[in-house]
Protein backbone atom coordinates (compact mmCIF):
# COMPACT_ATOMS: atom_id res chain seq x y z
CA MET A 1 -65.18 45.63 86.46
CA PRO A 2 -67.71 45.46 89.29
CA LYS A 3 -67.93 42.02 90.82
CA PRO A 4 -71.31 40.25 90.60
CA THR A 5 -72.90 39.54 93.93
CA ARG A 6 -73.49 35.81 93.35
CA THR A 7 -70.83 34.03 91.32
CA LYS A 8 -70.29 30.33 90.75
CA ALA A 9 -67.31 29.54 88.52
CA LEU A 10 -68.36 26.75 86.20
CA PHE A 11 -65.43 27.16 83.86
CA PRO A 12 -62.24 27.89 85.86
CA LEU A 13 -60.14 29.17 82.96
CA ALA A 14 -58.11 31.32 85.37
CA ALA A 15 -57.25 34.72 83.95
CA LEU A 16 -56.93 33.58 80.36
CA VAL A 17 -57.08 37.10 79.00
CA ALA A 18 -53.90 37.91 80.89
CA CYS A 19 -51.91 35.03 79.35
CA GLY A 20 -50.17 37.37 76.97
CA ASP A 21 -50.96 36.06 73.51
CA THR A 22 -50.59 38.22 70.44
CA GLY A 23 -54.28 38.86 69.77
CA ASP A 24 -54.28 36.87 66.51
CA GLY A 25 -55.90 33.74 67.90
CA SER A 26 -52.60 31.86 68.41
CA ALA A 27 -52.47 30.71 72.01
CA ALA A 28 -50.09 28.36 73.79
CA GLY A 29 -52.64 25.85 75.10
CA ALA A 30 -53.75 22.55 73.62
CA ALA A 31 -55.21 22.61 70.12
CA GLY A 32 -58.98 22.11 70.01
CA THR A 33 -59.52 23.81 73.36
CA LEU A 34 -60.48 27.34 74.37
CA ASP A 35 -56.96 28.06 75.58
CA GLY A 36 -55.33 26.80 72.38
CA PRO A 37 -54.97 28.13 68.83
CA ASP A 38 -57.91 28.38 66.44
CA MET A 39 -59.13 25.07 65.03
CA ILE A 40 -60.66 26.02 61.70
CA VAL A 41 -63.86 24.18 60.78
CA ASN A 42 -65.74 24.22 57.49
CA ALA A 43 -69.52 24.54 57.55
CA ILE A 44 -71.27 21.98 55.36
CA THR A 45 -74.68 23.32 54.40
CA GLU A 46 -77.52 22.49 52.05
CA GLU A 47 -79.85 24.98 50.40
CA VAL A 48 -83.48 24.75 51.56
CA PHE A 49 -85.26 27.64 49.81
CA THR A 50 -85.02 31.34 48.96
CA ILE A 51 -87.93 33.78 48.98
CA GLY A 52 -88.09 37.39 47.80
CA SER A 53 -89.07 38.63 44.38
CA VAL A 54 -88.55 41.69 42.22
CA VAL A 55 -92.02 41.12 40.73
CA GLY A 56 -94.44 43.44 42.49
CA ASP A 57 -97.48 41.17 42.49
CA ARG A 58 -95.89 38.07 44.02
CA TRP A 59 -96.65 37.01 47.59
CA ASP A 60 -92.97 37.23 48.51
CA THR A 61 -92.27 40.79 47.32
CA PHE A 62 -90.95 42.56 50.41
CA GLY A 63 -91.15 46.21 51.37
CA ARG A 64 -88.42 46.01 54.01
CA VAL A 65 -87.47 42.86 55.89
CA GLY A 66 -87.05 43.94 59.50
CA ALA A 67 -86.48 40.54 61.10
CA VAL A 68 -86.77 36.80 60.49
CA GLN A 69 -87.41 34.08 63.09
CA PHE A 70 -88.24 30.38 63.18
CA ASP A 71 -90.71 28.42 65.31
CA ALA A 72 -90.27 24.84 66.53
CA GLN A 73 -92.05 23.45 63.45
CA GLY A 74 -89.45 24.98 61.15
CA ASN A 75 -91.82 27.67 59.88
CA LEU A 76 -90.12 30.93 58.96
CA HIS A 77 -91.71 34.19 60.13
CA VAL A 78 -90.67 37.23 58.05
CA PHE A 79 -91.48 40.65 59.49
CA ASP A 80 -92.02 43.26 56.76
CA SER A 81 -91.67 46.61 58.55
CA LEU A 82 -93.09 48.61 55.63
CA GLU A 83 -96.18 46.47 55.24
CA ASP A 84 -96.63 46.05 59.01
CA HIS A 85 -97.20 42.33 58.78
CA ILE A 86 -95.52 38.96 59.28
CA LEU A 87 -95.37 36.49 56.42
CA VAL A 88 -95.36 32.88 57.64
CA VAL A 89 -93.56 30.45 55.33
CA GLY A 90 -93.56 26.67 55.72
CA PRO A 91 -90.45 24.45 55.85
CA ASP A 92 -90.75 23.89 52.09
CA GLY A 93 -90.79 27.61 51.29
CA SER A 94 -94.52 27.87 50.57
CA PRO A 95 -96.71 30.61 52.10
CA ILE A 96 -98.94 29.67 55.06
CA ARG A 97 -100.52 32.91 56.28
CA THR A 98 -100.01 36.62 56.88
CA VAL A 99 -100.32 37.99 60.41
CA GLY A 100 -101.08 41.62 61.24
CA GLY A 101 -101.39 44.46 58.77
CA GLN A 102 -101.45 48.23 58.75
CA GLY A 103 -103.86 49.94 61.13
CA ASP A 104 -104.56 50.47 64.82
CA GLY A 105 -107.36 48.02 65.42
CA PRO A 106 -107.15 44.63 67.16
CA GLY A 107 -105.01 42.29 65.08
CA GLU A 108 -103.35 45.16 63.19
CA PHE A 109 -99.78 46.14 63.94
CA GLY A 110 -99.85 49.95 63.63
CA SER A 111 -96.17 50.83 63.13
CA ALA A 112 -94.75 47.80 64.88
CA THR A 113 -91.08 48.05 65.76
CA ARG A 114 -90.28 44.39 66.43
CA PRO A 115 -92.11 41.06 66.71
CA ILE A 116 -90.81 38.26 68.93
CA VAL A 117 -91.84 34.77 67.81
CA ALA A 118 -92.02 32.12 70.54
CA ARG A 119 -91.12 28.54 69.72
CA ASP A 120 -94.79 27.56 69.72
CA GLY A 121 -95.42 30.18 67.02
CA SER A 122 -97.17 32.77 69.20
CA TYR A 123 -96.22 36.43 68.88
CA THR A 124 -95.30 39.37 71.07
CA VAL A 125 -95.39 42.42 68.80
CA LEU A 126 -93.75 45.57 70.16
CA GLY A 127 -94.75 49.04 69.05
CA SER A 128 -93.93 52.56 70.15
CA SER A 129 -96.88 52.74 72.56
CA ARG A 130 -98.17 49.18 72.90
CA ILE A 131 -97.42 45.47 72.94
CA ASP A 132 -99.84 43.17 71.12
CA LEU A 133 -100.07 39.43 71.78
CA PHE A 134 -101.16 36.88 69.15
CA ASP A 135 -101.72 33.14 69.42
CA PRO A 136 -99.87 30.59 67.22
CA GLY A 137 -102.62 30.81 64.60
CA GLY A 138 -102.10 34.55 64.25
CA ASP A 139 -105.30 35.56 66.08
CA PHE A 140 -105.21 38.64 68.30
CA VAL A 141 -105.23 37.88 72.06
CA ARG A 142 -104.77 41.14 73.96
CA ARG A 143 -102.99 44.50 74.03
CA ILE A 144 -100.70 46.06 76.63
CA THR A 145 -100.58 49.87 76.51
CA LEU A 146 -97.22 51.47 77.21
CA ASP A 147 -97.04 54.81 79.00
CA PRO A 148 -93.76 56.71 78.49
CA MET A 149 -94.17 58.27 81.95
CA THR A 150 -94.75 55.00 83.87
CA THR A 151 -94.07 51.70 82.11
CA GLY A 152 -91.77 53.34 79.59
CA ILE A 153 -91.34 52.38 75.95
CA VAL A 154 -89.79 48.91 75.77
CA VAL A 155 -87.24 48.13 73.07
CA ALA A 156 -86.58 44.38 72.97
CA SER A 157 -85.79 41.63 70.48
CA MET A 158 -86.05 38.50 72.65
CA ALA A 159 -87.88 36.95 75.56
CA LEU A 160 -87.25 34.31 78.20
CA PRO A 161 -89.04 30.96 77.82
CA ASP A 162 -91.68 32.21 80.30
CA GLY A 163 -92.50 35.18 78.02
CA ARG A 164 -90.80 37.98 79.95
CA LEU A 165 -89.06 40.39 77.61
CA VAL A 166 -85.31 40.94 77.92
CA THR A 167 -84.31 44.53 77.27
CA SER A 168 -81.41 46.89 77.71
CA ARG A 169 -83.52 49.86 76.58
CA ILE A 170 -86.60 51.18 78.36
CA LEU A 171 -87.29 54.77 77.31
CA ARG A 172 -88.99 57.01 79.86
CA PHE A 173 -89.73 60.73 79.87
CA ASP A 174 -89.18 60.97 83.62
CA ASP A 175 -85.65 59.56 83.76
CA ASP A 176 -84.68 62.31 86.22
CA ASP A 177 -86.80 60.56 88.83
CA GLN A 178 -85.15 57.17 88.27
CA PRO A 179 -82.32 55.95 90.52
CA GLU A 180 -78.89 55.99 88.95
CA GLU A 181 -78.03 52.36 88.17
CA GLY A 182 -74.68 52.86 86.48
CA GLY A 183 -73.28 50.53 83.88
CA ARG A 184 -75.66 49.14 81.27
CA PRO A 185 -78.77 47.76 83.02
CA ILE A 186 -80.65 44.79 81.56
CA HIS A 187 -84.27 44.45 82.65
CA LEU A 188 -86.95 41.79 82.46
CA PHE A 189 -90.34 43.17 81.42
CA PRO A 190 -93.29 40.92 82.37
CA LEU A 191 -96.50 40.92 80.35
CA ASP A 192 -98.84 40.71 83.36
CA GLY A 193 -98.95 44.42 84.17
CA ALA A 194 -96.09 44.44 86.66
CA GLY A 195 -93.21 46.85 86.22
CA PRO A 196 -89.79 45.95 84.84
CA GLU A 197 -87.26 44.32 87.15
CA LEU A 198 -83.50 44.72 86.98
CA LEU A 199 -81.83 41.45 86.00
CA TYR A 200 -78.19 42.44 85.66
CA THR A 201 -76.02 45.52 85.18
CA ALA A 202 -73.46 45.01 82.45
CA TRP A 203 -70.09 46.70 82.57
CA GLN A 204 -69.16 49.73 80.48
CA LEU A 205 -66.23 52.08 80.10
CA PRO A 206 -66.45 55.30 82.14
CA VAL A 207 -68.90 57.64 80.44
CA GLU A 208 -67.46 60.73 78.77
CA ASP A 209 -69.00 63.95 80.08
CA ASP A 210 -69.14 65.85 76.80
CA ASN A 211 -71.19 63.36 74.76
CA GLU A 212 -74.62 64.78 75.63
CA PRO A 213 -76.48 66.41 72.69
CA SER A 214 -76.94 70.17 72.77
CA VAL A 215 -79.99 72.13 71.54
CA SER A 216 -79.86 75.65 70.14
CA GLY A 217 -82.34 78.08 68.58
CA SER A 218 -86.00 78.62 69.44
CA ALA A 219 -89.43 77.52 68.33
CA GLU A 220 -89.77 80.72 66.29
CA SER A 221 -86.41 80.59 64.53
CA GLY A 222 -86.10 76.83 64.38
CA MET A 223 -84.30 74.48 66.72
CA THR A 224 -81.14 72.49 66.05
CA MET A 225 -79.90 69.49 67.99
CA THR A 226 -76.17 68.83 67.71
CA MET A 227 -75.04 65.34 68.58
CA ALA A 228 -71.51 64.53 69.68
CA ALA A 229 -69.47 62.17 67.57
CA GLY A 230 -68.89 60.01 70.64
CA ARG A 231 -66.25 57.40 71.38
CA ALA A 232 -65.30 54.73 68.89
CA LEU A 233 -64.24 51.16 69.60
CA GLU A 234 -66.16 50.80 72.83
CA PRO A 235 -66.97 47.24 73.94
CA ARG A 236 -70.39 46.26 72.64
CA LEU A 237 -73.17 44.85 74.78
CA ASP A 238 -74.73 41.78 73.15
CA TYR A 239 -76.66 38.85 74.58
CA ASP A 240 -78.93 35.97 73.67
CA VAL A 241 -81.26 33.61 75.53
CA LEU A 242 -80.38 29.93 76.03
CA THR A 243 -83.04 27.23 76.23
CA ASP A 244 -82.78 27.04 80.04
CA GLY A 245 -83.50 30.77 80.43
CA ARG A 246 -79.93 31.89 81.03
CA LEU A 247 -78.41 34.76 79.10
CA ALA A 248 -75.10 34.44 77.30
CA LEU A 249 -73.72 38.00 77.51
CA MET A 250 -70.67 39.90 76.27
CA ASP A 251 -69.77 43.34 77.63
CA SER A 252 -65.99 43.29 78.04
CA VAL A 253 -62.86 44.50 76.27
CA GLY A 254 -61.28 41.05 76.57
CA TYR A 255 -62.62 37.72 75.36
CA ARG A 256 -65.22 37.04 78.03
CA VAL A 257 -68.78 35.70 77.87
CA LYS A 258 -70.87 35.63 81.04
CA LEU A 259 -73.76 33.26 81.66
CA ILE A 260 -76.46 35.10 83.61
CA GLY A 261 -79.11 33.08 85.46
CA PRO A 262 -82.79 34.11 85.70
CA ASP A 263 -82.02 35.42 89.20
CA GLY A 264 -79.28 37.74 87.92
CA SER A 265 -76.37 35.66 89.18
CA VAL A 266 -73.31 34.94 87.04
CA SER A 267 -73.34 31.14 86.82
CA GLY A 268 -70.24 30.84 84.64
CA MET A 269 -67.83 32.44 82.20
CA ILE A 270 -66.34 31.42 78.88
CA GLU A 271 -62.95 32.96 78.10
CA ARG A 272 -60.08 32.64 75.62
CA PRO A 273 -56.53 34.04 75.92
CA ILE A 274 -56.96 36.46 73.01
CA ALA A 275 -55.78 39.89 74.10
CA PRO A 276 -57.30 43.14 72.80
CA LEU A 277 -55.21 45.08 70.29
CA PRO A 278 -53.89 48.53 71.23
CA VAL A 279 -55.51 51.32 69.22
CA ASP A 280 -53.09 52.86 66.73
CA GLU A 281 -53.46 55.53 64.05
CA GLU A 282 -54.33 53.02 61.31
CA ILE A 283 -57.18 51.58 63.42
CA MET A 284 -58.39 55.09 64.29
CA GLU A 285 -58.50 56.13 60.64
CA ALA A 286 -60.46 52.99 59.71
CA ALA A 287 -62.94 53.83 62.48
CA ARG A 288 -63.24 57.41 61.21
CA GLU A 289 -64.02 56.17 57.70
CA ARG A 290 -66.74 53.85 59.00
CA PHE A 291 -68.15 56.75 61.01
CA ARG A 292 -68.29 58.97 57.91
CA GLU A 293 -70.36 56.38 56.06
CA GLN A 294 -72.69 55.81 59.02
CA ARG A 295 -73.07 59.54 59.66
CA THR A 296 -74.24 60.13 56.09
CA ASP A 297 -76.87 57.39 56.38
CA PHE A 298 -77.90 58.58 59.85
CA LEU A 299 -78.50 62.19 58.78
CA ALA A 300 -80.31 61.08 55.62
CA ARG A 301 -82.85 59.13 57.71
CA LEU A 302 -83.51 62.24 59.84
CA ARG A 303 -83.98 64.62 56.92
CA ASP A 304 -87.74 65.01 57.50
CA MET A 305 -87.57 65.58 61.26
CA PRO A 306 -89.26 68.79 62.52
CA MET A 307 -86.05 69.65 64.37
CA GLN A 308 -82.81 69.98 62.45
CA ILE A 309 -80.36 67.28 63.52
CA GLU A 310 -76.64 67.72 63.14
CA ARG A 311 -73.82 65.43 64.18
CA GLU A 312 -70.16 66.18 64.70
CA GLY A 313 -67.79 64.88 62.07
CA ALA A 314 -65.33 62.01 62.29
CA GLU A 315 -62.52 64.35 63.35
CA ALA A 316 -64.33 64.84 66.68
CA LEU A 317 -64.33 61.13 67.51
CA THR A 318 -62.58 60.01 70.66
CA PHE A 319 -61.20 56.51 71.06
CA ALA A 320 -60.92 53.76 73.61
CA GLU A 321 -57.37 52.62 74.29
CA GLU A 322 -57.89 49.03 73.14
CA VAL A 323 -59.91 47.27 70.45
CA PRO A 324 -62.40 44.92 72.13
CA VAL A 325 -61.94 41.32 70.99
CA LEU A 326 -65.59 40.39 70.39
CA TRP A 327 -68.03 41.96 67.95
CA SER A 328 -71.26 39.95 68.32
CA LEU A 329 -72.89 36.98 70.05
CA LYS A 330 -75.76 34.71 69.03
CA ALA A 331 -77.00 31.35 70.33
CA ASP A 332 -78.42 28.60 68.10
CA TRP A 333 -81.15 26.10 69.01
CA GLU A 334 -78.55 23.59 70.24
CA ASN A 335 -77.24 26.14 72.78
CA ARG A 336 -74.05 26.62 70.81
CA ILE A 337 -72.80 30.20 71.11
CA TRP A 338 -71.47 31.87 67.96
CA LEU A 339 -68.92 34.56 68.83
CA GLU A 340 -67.79 36.84 66.04
CA ARG A 341 -64.46 38.51 66.68
CA ARG A 342 -63.41 41.88 65.31
CA ASP A 343 -61.16 42.16 62.30
CA PRO A 344 -57.76 43.92 62.54
CA THR A 345 -59.39 47.33 61.88
CA GLY A 346 -61.85 46.98 64.77
CA ALA A 347 -64.89 46.24 62.62
CA GLY A 348 -66.91 43.04 62.50
CA GLY A 349 -66.21 40.29 60.01
CA GLY A 350 -63.48 38.46 61.89
CA PRO A 351 -63.35 34.74 62.70
CA ILE A 352 -66.39 33.19 64.38
CA ASP A 353 -65.79 30.90 67.35
CA ILE A 354 -68.46 28.29 68.12
CA VAL A 355 -68.56 27.13 71.74
CA THR A 356 -71.06 25.30 73.92
CA ALA A 357 -72.75 26.76 76.98
CA ASP A 358 -70.70 24.25 79.01
CA GLY A 359 -67.48 25.89 77.83
CA ASP A 360 -66.46 23.32 75.19
CA TYR A 361 -64.75 24.68 72.09
CA ILE A 362 -66.18 23.32 68.82
CA GLY A 363 -64.09 25.28 66.33
CA THR A 364 -63.65 28.52 64.43
CA LEU A 365 -65.13 29.61 61.11
CA ALA A 366 -62.67 31.55 58.96
CA PRO A 367 -63.55 35.16 58.02
CA ASP A 368 -64.29 34.08 54.44
CA GLY A 369 -66.47 31.15 55.57
CA LEU A 370 -70.05 30.88 56.79
CA ARG A 371 -71.29 33.93 58.70
CA THR A 372 -73.65 34.12 61.66
CA PRO A 373 -77.19 34.01 60.25
CA SER A 374 -79.98 36.50 60.84
CA ALA A 375 -81.91 33.69 62.59
CA PHE A 376 -81.29 30.16 63.80
CA GLY A 377 -83.98 27.49 63.71
CA PRO A 378 -84.49 23.85 64.65
CA ASP A 379 -82.57 20.99 63.00
CA GLY A 380 -79.78 23.26 61.81
CA LEU A 381 -81.97 25.73 59.91
CA MET A 382 -80.47 29.18 59.33
CA ALA A 383 -81.97 32.22 57.60
CA PHE A 384 -79.98 35.03 55.98
CA ILE A 385 -81.44 38.41 54.96
CA GLU A 386 -79.66 39.40 51.75
CA SER A 387 -79.84 42.33 49.32
CA ASP A 388 -78.73 42.57 45.70
CA ALA A 389 -77.17 45.57 43.93
CA LEU A 390 -80.63 47.12 43.47
CA ASP A 391 -81.42 46.70 47.19
CA VAL A 392 -83.99 43.99 46.45
CA GLN A 393 -84.21 41.82 49.54
CA THR A 394 -84.39 38.05 49.68
CA VAL A 395 -84.37 35.60 52.56
CA ARG A 396 -82.22 32.53 51.99
CA VAL A 397 -82.70 29.47 54.19
CA VAL A 398 -80.03 26.79 54.49
CA ARG A 399 -79.48 23.84 56.79
CA LEU A 400 -76.22 23.37 58.64
CA VAL A 401 -75.37 19.69 58.13
CA ALA A 402 -71.98 19.51 59.86
CA LEU A 403 -68.97 21.44 61.07
CA ALA A 404 -66.00 19.57 59.67
CA PRO A 405 -62.41 20.23 60.84
CA GLU A 406 -60.33 21.70 58.03
CA GLY A 407 -58.12 19.12 56.32
């Protein structure tokens, strides 16, 4: 991995990934610490409310829940991507207001892709060609127009406390004129008209040369884009913003979380001696089966595209040599970092470690216990987007009361 230019080791856990454990969470260090075995904790929760109705004329009948977020008052903001609006729900589960709506005028979302709700309840609403800002009361403030040739199209789901967007995807049509940054760049995108600035370049495996899509045919006969199957079991890039503006970031094969300061420096690392599993035929076949399911859904969503889209089958997949340890990362409002590990097949759904930003180990949730929520809120609030057998969506809100050691 490339070494960061400014590194201060806050948590000297000295090469824990190389300590040679079996990859099942059983380490030789002291119990209840990051270098010890898992300490299973049970999540004690209480139900707060559930919204979402199958009745078409109720206020909480959703088209498609795209995201949920809380503000500091405990209000829940539910983004309905089909209706192009945000439903604001109070701490008791009652409706407060609706923000946005379909259309292109001021105060209307117009095919919004993602809203970001600040803790004061104000909104940054991202679209394919614009960013709209709303005050905490839901009133329109101003619009930022995005140019795919200059500013680029920003894809983001979070912002720093000062409002700058954090993004690992800025889409431009003139990428050939951009300097080669290597790795996986993470940018900060200010909302004052200035251009994006590089915050940090995350690590990635060497890029395979034959994964670029190919286009065949002509405008007269019809064009077909063929996409490569790609490489399975690559380490995922995931990050979240802490209250002090740092990023907690995972990008490695081993168990490693970096803390990235607002100046791009690595101010610390959190590690555990859980080694990645070697990829064997059973793991590869499980990855192929997941790919087959995802490929079917992917092609179904592109059925109405003007260009025919094809994708290579699961047999064309290539594989990394090891299964990365971590699957996902999310920070709660108390700056605890929830780290979901992969299951033995390389998919998500493994144990969830809960650690502090200071490197203290709180405990591990078993795979059949509480899962990481869709959104964290103040005072232990958590929201889960759920669907029933008929694909009717509900949003369930619970409060995390305690994490109790098992037994």
